[in-house]
Amino acid sequence: MYKNILVPVDGSATSKRGLEEAMRLAKAGGGTIRLVHVVDELVMIDPEVPVYYQAMIESLRESGKATLAKSEAAVSAQGIPVQAMLLETMGMRAADLIVEQAAQWPADLIVMGTHGRHGLRRVVLGSDAELVIRHTSVPVMLLRSSQSSKP
């Protein structure tokens, strides 16, 4: 069974579905869950409004902390050992930080939700899930939300 399960969380329905599955696996196998939330500080910077930029970054941090706290409480309520980490980056893809965290911990499994984008939407928006699969040596379980559209 998987003892160290890494779960990226962002508060979306797909992320919640991934967390639910990770909790099921951890509970069945006596595993530990490490939650990660990535804050990307590289946003469109307008040098004319630095005050707004700092406020936006702080808002992203606070939102990430709230997402982690809510997820951590859900895992703890199930009696599963849990750790939570807020990761910050300046333009690095979230997928890269997830892969890095999985290797450093080390994770036995990454469980994450995917929006299931395809076609032009995937090209334009990218797919962190796809990048994680391509760059990690750790097994990855992807889950769509029950609300996700089918291809």
Protein backbone atom coordinates (compact mmCIF):
# COMPACT_ATOMS: atom_id res chain seq x y z
CA MET A 1 0.00 0.00 0.00
CA TYR A 2 0.94 3.63 -0.27
CA LYS A 3 2.36 5.11 2.93
CA ASN A 4 3.19 8.67 1.78
CA ILE A 5 0.48 10.23 -0.36
CA LEU A 6 1.04 13.71 -1.80
CA VAL A 7 -2.14 15.65 -2.58
CA PRO A 8 -2.08 19.04 -4.30
CA VAL A 9 -5.14 21.06 -3.24
CA ASP A 10 -6.61 24.23 -4.67
CA GLY A 11 -10.19 24.15 -3.37
CA SER A 12 -11.73 23.13 -6.71
CA ALA A 13 -14.22 20.26 -7.07
CA THR A 14 -11.56 18.15 -8.79
CA SER A 15 -9.08 18.83 -6.01
CA LYS A 16 -11.66 17.81 -3.41
CA ARG A 17 -12.32 14.58 -5.29
CA GLY A 18 -8.59 13.83 -5.31
CA LEU A 19 -8.40 14.50 -1.57
CA GLU A 20 -11.35 12.19 -0.88
CA GLU A 21 -9.68 9.36 -2.78
CA ALA A 22 -6.34 9.99 -1.06
CA MET A 23 -8.07 9.81 2.32
CA ARG A 24 -9.71 6.51 1.35
CA LEU A 25 -6.32 5.07 0.34
CA ALA A 26 -4.50 6.41 3.40
CA LYS A 27 -7.14 5.11 5.78
CA ALA A 28 -7.11 1.64 4.17
CA GLY A 29 -3.33 1.39 4.15
CA GLY A 30 -2.32 3.30 7.26
CA GLY A 31 -0.76 6.06 5.20
CA THR A 32 0.11 9.71 5.74
CA ILE A 33 -1.09 12.56 3.55
CA ARG A 34 0.96 15.61 2.68
CA LEU A 35 -1.14 18.45 1.31
CA VAL A 36 0.46 21.09 -0.91
CA HIS A 37 -0.89 24.34 -2.26
CA VAL A 38 1.13 26.41 -4.72
CA VAL A 39 1.03 30.21 -4.82
CA ASP A 40 2.54 31.69 -7.98
CA GLU A 41 3.79 35.17 -7.20
CA LEU A 42 4.51 35.94 -10.85
CA VAL A 43 1.37 37.68 -11.95
CA MET A 44 1.04 40.43 -14.46
CA ILE A 45 3.09 43.14 -12.81
CA ASP A 46 2.24 46.76 -13.49
CA PRO A 47 4.98 48.95 -12.00
CA GLU A 48 2.43 51.73 -11.61
CA VAL A 49 0.47 49.82 -8.97
CA PRO A 50 2.90 47.99 -6.64
CA VAL A 51 0.55 48.33 -3.67
CA TYR A 52 -2.16 46.38 -5.48
CA TYR A 53 0.35 43.71 -6.49
CA GLN A 54 1.43 43.12 -2.89
CA ALA A 55 -2.19 43.02 -1.74
CA MET A 56 -3.01 40.48 -4.44
CA ILE A 57 -0.08 38.23 -3.48
CA GLU A 58 -1.08 38.39 0.18
CA SER A 59 -4.65 37.53 -0.80
CA LEU A 60 -3.39 34.48 -2.74
CA ARG A 61 -1.35 33.39 0.29
CA GLU A 62 -4.29 33.77 2.64
CA SER A 63 -6.56 31.87 0.26
CA GLY A 64 -3.97 29.10 0.02
CA LYS A 65 -3.65 28.91 3.81
CA ALA A 66 -7.44 28.68 4.13
CA THR A 67 -7.60 25.92 1.52
CA LEU A 68 -4.87 23.98 3.30
CA ALA A 69 -6.50 24.45 6.73
CA LYS A 70 -9.87 23.21 5.46
CA SER A 71 -8.28 20.20 3.75
CA GLU A 72 -6.10 19.45 6.77
CA ALA A 73 -9.14 19.51 9.06
CA ALA A 74 -10.96 17.05 6.78
CA VAL A 75 -8.02 14.63 6.81
CA SER A 76 -7.49 14.96 10.59
CA ALA A 77 -11.19 14.30 11.19
CA GLN A 78 -10.66 10.88 9.56
CA GLY A 79 -7.80 10.11 11.96
CA ILE A 80 -5.21 10.18 9.19
CA PRO A 81 -1.77 11.70 9.85
CA VAL A 82 -1.46 14.86 7.77
CA GLN A 83 1.04 17.58 6.94
CA ALA A 84 0.26 20.78 5.03
CA MET A 85 2.67 22.92 3.03
CA LEU A 86 2.18 26.25 1.30
CA LEU A 87 4.69 26.47 -1.54
CA GLU A 88 5.50 29.75 -3.25
CA THR A 89 7.05 30.30 -6.64
CA MET A 90 7.96 33.15 -8.90
CA GLY A 91 6.84 31.86 -12.29
CA MET A 92 7.74 28.19 -11.88
CA ARG A 93 4.87 25.89 -12.87
CA ALA A 94 2.91 24.34 -10.03
CA ALA A 95 3.60 20.93 -11.58
CA ASP A 96 7.34 21.42 -11.15
CA LEU A 97 6.93 22.14 -7.44
CA ILE A 98 4.61 19.15 -7.02
CA VAL A 99 7.16 16.84 -8.69
CA GLU A 100 9.97 18.33 -6.57
CA GLN A 101 7.97 17.91 -3.36
CA ALA A 102 7.10 14.29 -4.24
CA ALA A 103 10.80 13.48 -4.70
CA GLN A 104 11.96 15.30 -1.55
CA TRP A 105 9.39 13.85 0.85
CA PRO A 106 9.49 11.05 -0.65
CA ALA A 107 5.94 10.28 -1.83
CA ASP A 108 4.79 6.81 -2.81
CA LEU A 109 1.82 8.22 -4.72
CA ILE A 110 0.54 11.56 -5.99
CA VAL A 111 -3.24 11.89 -6.02
CA MET A 112 -4.64 14.91 -7.79
CA GLY A 113 -7.74 16.13 -9.49
CA THR A 114 -7.72 17.07 -13.14
CA HIS A 115 -10.08 19.32 -15.01
CA GLY A 116 -9.81 17.10 -18.08
CA ARG A 117 -9.27 19.96 -20.48
CA HIS A 118 -8.58 19.00 -24.04
CA GLY A 119 -7.94 20.64 -27.37
CA LEU A 120 -7.27 24.37 -27.47
CA ARG A 121 -8.25 24.92 -23.82
CA ARG A 122 -5.48 22.54 -22.72
CA VAL A 123 -2.95 24.17 -25.02
CA VAL A 124 -3.82 27.67 -23.79
CA LEU A 125 -4.29 26.88 -20.09
CA GLY A 126 -1.80 24.04 -19.84
CA SER A 127 -2.19 20.95 -17.75
CA ASP A 128 -0.37 20.65 -14.47
CA ALA A 129 -1.61 17.07 -14.18
CA GLU A 130 -0.07 16.16 -17.53
CA LEU A 131 3.23 17.81 -16.59
CA VAL A 132 3.33 15.97 -13.28
CA ILE A 133 2.82 12.65 -15.06
CA ARG A 134 5.55 13.45 -17.58
CA HIS A 135 8.17 14.53 -15.04
CA THR A 136 7.76 12.35 -11.96
CA SER A 137 8.88 8.82 -11.27
CA VAL A 138 6.20 8.53 -8.59
CA PRO A 139 2.89 6.83 -9.51
CA VAL A 140 0.11 9.37 -10.14
CA MET A 141 -3.61 8.89 -9.70
CA LEU A 142 -5.78 11.46 -11.51
CA LEU A 143 -9.44 12.02 -10.71
CA ARG A 144 -12.02 14.18 -12.39
CA SER A 145 -14.80 15.79 -10.49
CA SER A 146 -18.20 14.25 -11.07
CA GLN A 147 -19.12 17.64 -12.54
CA SER A 148 -16.31 17.61 -15.14
CA SER A 149 -17.38 17.51 -18.72
CA LYS A 150 -16.62 14.40 -20.69
CA PRO A 151 -14.42 14.57 -23.82
